[in-house]
Amino acid sequence: MTKVVRCRDVGFDCEGVVRAETEEEVLIQVAAHAKEVHGVEEVTPEIVEKVRSVMIVEA
């Protein structure tokens, strides 16, 4: 089961999509994307909760 986060669902005007096998992997990749593409310097607990709230599971 693959976990998926769409950047647009987090609130950015971005077509980025992160897919990984675990929630931890998704969070790591989302943090890297946020820093590299959107200039987010710190991933706060609020951002982590937002990402978790929009994460879906693909079969």
PDB file of N, CA and C in Angstrom:
ATOM      1  N   MET A   1       0.845  -1.179   0.000  1.00  0.00           N
ATOM      2  CA  MET A   1       0.000   0.000   0.000  1.00  0.00           C
ATOM      3  C   MET A   1       0.896   1.249   0.000  1.00  0.00           C
ATOM      4  N   THR A   2       0.716   2.078  -0.980  1.00  0.00           N
ATOM      5  CA  THR A   2       1.528   3.279  -1.127  1.00  0.00           C
ATOM      6  C   THR A   2       0.818   4.481  -0.515  1.00  0.00           C
ATOM      7  N   LYS A   3       1.551   5.251   0.249  1.00  0.00           N
ATOM      8  CA  LYS A   3       1.020   6.471   0.842  1.00  0.00           C
ATOM      9  C   LYS A   3       1.327   7.617  -0.122  1.00  0.00           C
ATOM     10  N   VAL A   4       0.351   8.519  -0.300  1.00  0.00           N
ATOM     11  CA  VAL A   4       0.467   9.582  -1.300  1.00  0.00           C
ATOM     12  C   VAL A   4       0.057  10.923  -0.692  1.00  0.00           C
ATOM     13  N   VAL A   5       0.850  11.957  -1.002  1.00  0.00           N
ATOM     14  CA  VAL A   5       0.503  13.331  -0.622  1.00  0.00           C
ATOM     15  C   VAL A   5       0.649  14.196  -1.862  1.00  0.00           C
ATOM     16  N   ARG A   6      -0.393  14.948  -2.155  1.00  0.00           N
ATOM     17  CA  ARG A   6      -0.362  15.909  -3.255  1.00  0.00           C
ATOM     18  C   ARG A   6      -0.101  17.294  -2.670  1.00  0.00           C
ATOM     19  N   CYS A   7       0.889  17.954  -3.194  1.00  0.00           N
ATOM     20  CA  CYS A   7       1.298  19.259  -2.674  1.00  0.00           C
ATOM     21  C   CYS A   7       0.111  20.226  -2.644  1.00  0.00           C
ATOM     22  N   ARG A   8      -0.702  20.191  -3.685  1.00  0.00           N
ATOM     23  CA  ARG A   8      -1.858  21.086  -3.763  1.00  0.00           C
ATOM     24  C   ARG A   8      -2.792  20.887  -2.562  1.00  0.00           C
ATOM     25  N   ASP A   9      -2.915  19.630  -2.091  1.00  0.00           N
ATOM     26  CA  ASP A   9      -3.797  19.337  -0.957  1.00  0.00           C
ATOM     27  C   ASP A   9      -3.280  19.927   0.351  1.00  0.00           C
ATOM     28  N   VAL A  10      -1.972  20.185   0.399  1.00  0.00           N
ATOM     29  CA  VAL A  10      -1.373  20.795   1.594  1.00  0.00           C
ATOM     30  C   VAL A  10      -1.563  22.309   1.576  1.00  0.00           C
ATOM     31  N   GLY A  11      -1.846  22.870   0.389  1.00  0.00           N
ATOM     32  CA  GLY A  11      -2.124  24.296   0.303  1.00  0.00           C
ATOM     33  C   GLY A  11      -1.241  25.063  -0.657  1.00  0.00           C
ATOM     34  N   PHE A  12      -0.347  24.375  -1.351  1.00  0.00           N
ATOM     35  CA  PHE A  12       0.523  25.044  -2.306  1.00  0.00           C
ATOM     36  C   PHE A  12      -0.054  24.937  -3.721  1.00  0.00           C
ATOM     37  N   ASP A  13       0.206  25.942  -4.544  1.00  0.00           N
ATOM     38  CA  ASP A  13      -0.187  25.900  -5.942  1.00  0.00           C
ATOM     39  C   ASP A  13       0.907  25.160  -6.697  1.00  0.00           C
ATOM     40  N   CYS A  14       0.878  23.831  -6.600  1.00  0.00           N
ATOM     41  CA  CYS A  14       1.969  22.999  -7.087  1.00  0.00           C
ATOM     42  C   CYS A  14       1.405  21.641  -7.483  1.00  0.00           C
ATOM     43  N   GLU A  15       1.912  21.096  -8.566  1.00  0.00           N
ATOM     44  CA  GLU A  15       1.465  19.785  -9.040  1.00  0.00           C
ATOM     45  C   GLU A  15       2.280  18.644  -8.445  1.00  0.00           C
ATOM     46  N   GLY A  16       3.162  18.924  -7.492  1.00  0.00           N
ATOM     47  CA  GLY A  16       4.015  17.898  -6.896  1.00  0.00           C
ATOM     48  C   GLY A  16       3.213  16.807  -6.197  1.00  0.00           C
ATOM     49  N   VAL A  17       3.688  15.572  -6.350  1.00  0.00           N
ATOM     50  CA  VAL A  17       3.080  14.418  -5.699  1.00  0.00           C
ATOM     51  C   VAL A  17       4.199  13.571  -5.113  1.00  0.00           C
ATOM     52  N   VAL A  18       4.039  13.177  -3.859  1.00  0.00           N
ATOM     53  CA  VAL A  18       5.012  12.317  -3.188  1.00  0.00           C
ATOM     54  C   VAL A  18       4.352  10.979  -2.926  1.00  0.00           C
ATOM     55  N   ARG A  19       5.055   9.899  -3.297  1.00  0.00           N
ATOM     56  CA  ARG A  19       4.581   8.541  -3.036  1.00  0.00           C
ATOM     57  C   ARG A  19       5.699   7.773  -2.335  1.00  0.00           C
ATOM     58  N   ALA A  20       5.319   7.029  -1.298  1.00  0.00           N
ATOM     59  CA  ALA A  20       6.284   6.193  -0.577  1.00  0.00           C
ATOM     60  C   ALA A  20       5.535   5.079   0.134  1.00  0.00           C
ATOM     61  N   GLU A  21       6.285   4.088   0.573  1.00  0.00           N
ATOM     62  CA  GLU A  21       5.673   2.929   1.215  1.00  0.00           C
ATOM     63  C   GLU A  21       5.300   3.170   2.671  1.00  0.00           C
ATOM     64  N   THR A  22       5.986   4.107   3.329  1.00  0.00           N
ATOM     65  CA  THR A  22       5.689   4.367   4.735  1.00  0.00           C
ATOM     66  C   THR A  22       5.402   5.844   4.959  1.00  0.00           C
ATOM     67  N   GLU A  23       4.695   6.119   6.048  1.00  0.00           N
ATOM     68  CA  GLU A  23       4.414   7.511   6.407  1.00  0.00           C
ATOM     69  C   GLU A  23       5.710   8.270   6.649  1.00  0.00           C
ATOM     70  N   GLU A  24       6.661   7.637   7.309  1.00  0.00           N
ATOM     71  CA  GLU A  24       7.943   8.292   7.592  1.00  0.00           C
ATOM     72  C   GLU A  24       8.649   8.707   6.304  1.00  0.00           C
ATOM     73  N   GLU A  25       8.658   7.813   5.301  1.00  0.00           N
ATOM     74  CA  GLU A  25       9.287   8.130   4.021  1.00  0.00           C
ATOM     75  C   GLU A  25       8.574   9.293   3.335  1.00  0.00           C
ATOM     76  N   VAL A  26       7.255   9.300   3.395  1.00  0.00           N
ATOM     77  CA  VAL A  26       6.495  10.399   2.798  1.00  0.00           C
ATOM     78  C   VAL A  26       6.860  11.713   3.472  1.00  0.00           C
ATOM     79  N   LEU A  27       6.885  11.726   4.789  1.00  0.00           N
ATOM     80  CA  LEU A  27       7.192  12.961   5.519  1.00  0.00           C
ATOM     81  C   LEU A  27       8.586  13.472   5.180  1.00  0.00           C
ATOM     82  N   ILE A  28       9.551  12.575   5.046  1.00  0.00           N
ATOM     83  CA  ILE A  28      10.919  12.980   4.682  1.00  0.00           C
ATOM     84  C   ILE A  28      10.932  13.600   3.289  1.00  0.00           C
ATOM     85  N   GLN A  29      10.263  12.957   2.345  1.00  0.00           N
ATOM     86  CA  GLN A  29      10.235  13.464   0.976  1.00  0.00           C
ATOM     87  C   GLN A  29       9.462  14.780   0.865  1.00  0.00           C
ATOM     88  N   VAL A  30       8.362  14.882   1.604  1.00  0.00           N
ATOM     89  CA  VAL A  30       7.581  16.132   1.594  1.00  0.00           C
ATOM     90  C   VAL A  30       8.415  17.272   2.164  1.00  0.00           C
ATOM     91  N   ALA A  31       9.142  17.016   3.247  1.00  0.00           N
ATOM     92  CA  ALA A  31       9.989  18.056   3.839  1.00  0.00           C
ATOM     93  C   ALA A  31      11.054  18.516   2.858  1.00  0.00           C
ATOM     94  N   ALA A  32      11.678  17.577   2.153  1.00  0.00           N
ATOM     95  CA  ALA A  32      12.701  17.928   1.169  1.00  0.00           C
ATOM     96  C   ALA A  32      12.092  18.741   0.027  1.00  0.00           C
ATOM     97  N   HIS A  33      10.930  18.331  -0.453  1.00  0.00           N
ATOM     98  CA  HIS A  33      10.248  19.063  -1.530  1.00  0.00           C
ATOM     99  C   HIS A  33       9.885  20.475  -1.071  1.00  0.00           C
ATOM    100  N   ALA A  34       9.338  20.584   0.130  1.00  0.00           N
ATOM    101  CA  ALA A  34       8.928  21.894   0.658  1.00  0.00           C
ATOM    102  C   ALA A  34      10.122  22.841   0.748  1.00  0.00           C
ATOM    103  N   LYS A  35      11.262  22.326   1.161  1.00  0.00           N
ATOM    104  CA  LYS A  35      12.457  23.163   1.288  1.00  0.00           C
ATOM    105  C   LYS A  35      13.000  23.555  -0.084  1.00  0.00           C
ATOM    106  N   GLU A  36      13.148  22.569  -0.972  1.00  0.00           N
ATOM    107  CA  GLU A  36      13.764  22.813  -2.277  1.00  0.00           C
ATOM    108  C   GLU A  36      12.884  23.641  -3.205  1.00  0.00           C
ATOM    109  N   VAL A  37      11.586  23.352  -3.224  1.00  0.00           N
ATOM    110  CA  VAL A  37      10.704  23.976  -4.202  1.00  0.00           C
ATOM    111  C   VAL A  37       9.992  25.210  -3.654  1.00  0.00           C
ATOM    112  N   HIS A  38       9.622  25.158  -2.366  1.00  0.00           N
ATOM    113  CA  HIS A  38       8.796  26.221  -1.802  1.00  0.00           C
ATOM    114  C   HIS A  38       9.527  27.097  -0.777  1.00  0.00           C
ATOM    115  N   GLY A  39      10.791  26.806  -0.508  1.00  0.00           N
ATOM    116  CA  GLY A  39      11.568  27.627   0.407  1.00  0.00           C
ATOM    117  C   GLY A  39      11.162  27.514   1.867  1.00  0.00           C
ATOM    118  N   VAL A  40      10.497  26.415   2.219  1.00  0.00           N
ATOM    119  CA  VAL A  40      10.090  26.208   3.616  1.00  0.00           C
ATOM    120  C   VAL A  40      11.331  25.778   4.396  1.00  0.00           C
ATOM    121  N   GLU A  41      11.765  26.608   5.324  1.00  0.00           N
ATOM    122  CA  GLU A  41      12.982  26.326   6.077  1.00  0.00           C
ATOM    123  C   GLU A  41      12.762  25.352   7.230  1.00  0.00           C
ATOM    124  N   GLU A  42      11.588  25.418   7.850  1.00  0.00           N
ATOM    125  CA  GLU A  42      11.322  24.566   9.002  1.00  0.00           C
ATOM    126  C   GLU A  42       9.964  23.897   8.833  1.00  0.00           C
ATOM    127  N   VAL A  43       9.965  22.586   8.964  1.00  0.00           N
ATOM    128  CA  VAL A  43       8.713  21.838   8.919  1.00  0.00           C
ATOM    129  C   VAL A  43       8.207  21.735  10.352  1.00  0.00           C
ATOM    130  N   THR A  44       7.203  22.531  10.633  1.00  0.00           N
ATOM    131  CA  THR A  44       6.660  22.609  11.993  1.00  0.00           C
ATOM    132  C   THR A  44       5.719  21.435  12.268  1.00  0.00           C
ATOM    133  N   PRO A  45       5.413  21.196  13.532  1.00  0.00           N
ATOM    134  CA  PRO A  45       4.429  20.149  13.855  1.00  0.00           C
ATOM    135  C   PRO A  45       3.084  20.392  13.172  1.00  0.00           C
ATOM    136  N   GLU A  46       2.720  21.648  12.987  1.00  0.00           N
ATOM    137  CA  GLU A  46       1.465  21.971  12.304  1.00  0.00           C
ATOM    138  C   GLU A  46       1.494  21.525  10.845  1.00  0.00           C
ATOM    139  N   ILE A  47       2.636  21.712  10.194  1.00  0.00           N
ATOM    140  CA  ILE A  47       2.772  21.267   8.809  1.00  0.00           C
ATOM    141  C   ILE A  47       2.700  19.748   8.736  1.00  0.00           C
ATOM    142  N   VAL A  48       3.364  19.075   9.654  1.00  0.00           N
ATOM    143  CA  VAL A  48       3.331  17.612   9.683  1.00  0.00           C
ATOM    144  C   VAL A  48       1.898  17.116   9.839  1.00  0.00           C
ATOM    145  N   GLU A  49       1.133  17.738  10.733  1.00  0.00           N
ATOM    146  CA  GLU A  49      -0.254  17.332  10.932  1.00  0.00           C
ATOM    147  C   GLU A  49      -1.096  17.589   9.690  1.00  0.00           C
ATOM    148  N   LYS A  50      -0.848  18.700   9.007  1.00  0.00           N
ATOM    149  CA  LYS A  50      -1.566  18.996   7.763  1.00  0.00           C
ATOM    150  C   LYS A  50      -1.261  17.936   6.712  1.00  0.00           C
ATOM    151  N   VAL A  51       0.016  17.577   6.583  1.00  0.00           N
ATOM    152  CA  VAL A  51       0.402  16.551   5.624  1.00  0.00           C
ATOM    153  C   VAL A  51      -0.261  15.228   5.961  1.00  0.00           C
ATOM    154  N   ARG A  52      -0.237  14.857   7.232  1.00  0.00           N
ATOM    155  CA  ARG A  52      -0.880  13.604   7.640  1.00  0.00           C
ATOM    156  C   ARG A  52      -2.377  13.633   7.332  1.00  0.00           C
ATOM    157  N   SER A  53      -3.009  14.789   7.482  1.00  0.00           N
ATOM    158  CA  SER A  53      -4.457  14.880   7.294  1.00  0.00           C
ATOM    159  C   SER A  53      -4.873  14.720   5.837  1.00  0.00           C
ATOM    160  N   VAL A  54      -3.961  15.002   4.901  1.00  0.00           N
ATOM    161  CA  VAL A  54      -4.293  14.891   3.477  1.00  0.00           C
ATOM    162  C   VAL A  54      -3.685  13.648   2.826  1.00  0.00           C
ATOM    163  N   MET A  55      -2.917  12.874   3.585  1.00  0.00           N
ATOM    164  CA  MET A  55      -2.284  11.675   3.062  1.00  0.00           C
ATOM    165  C   MET A  55      -3.349  10.620   2.729  1.00  0.00           C
ATOM    166  N   ILE A  56      -3.215  10.035   1.545  1.00  0.00           N
ATOM    167  CA  ILE A  56      -4.123   8.971   1.152  1.00  0.00           C
ATOM    168  C   ILE A  56      -3.315   7.695   0.920  1.00  0.00           C
ATOM    169  N   VAL A  57      -4.027   6.580   0.814  1.00  0.00           N
ATOM    170  CA  VAL A  57      -3.386   5.295   0.567  1.00  0.00           C
ATOM    171  C   VAL A  57      -3.887   4.757  -0.763  1.00  0.00           C
ATOM    172  N   GLU A  58      -2.935   4.405  -1.627  1.00  0.00           N
ATOM    173  CA  GLU A  58      -3.262   3.792  -2.906  1.00  0.00           C
ATOM    174  C   GLU A  58      -2.983   2.302  -2.810  1.00  0.00           C
ATOM    175  N   ALA A  59      -3.846   1.514  -3.370  1.00  0.00           N
ATOM    176  CA  ALA A  59      -3.660   0.058  -3.336  1.00  0.00           C
ATOM    177  C   ALA A  59      -2.632  -0.366  -4.360  1.00  0.00           C
TER     178      ALA A  59
END
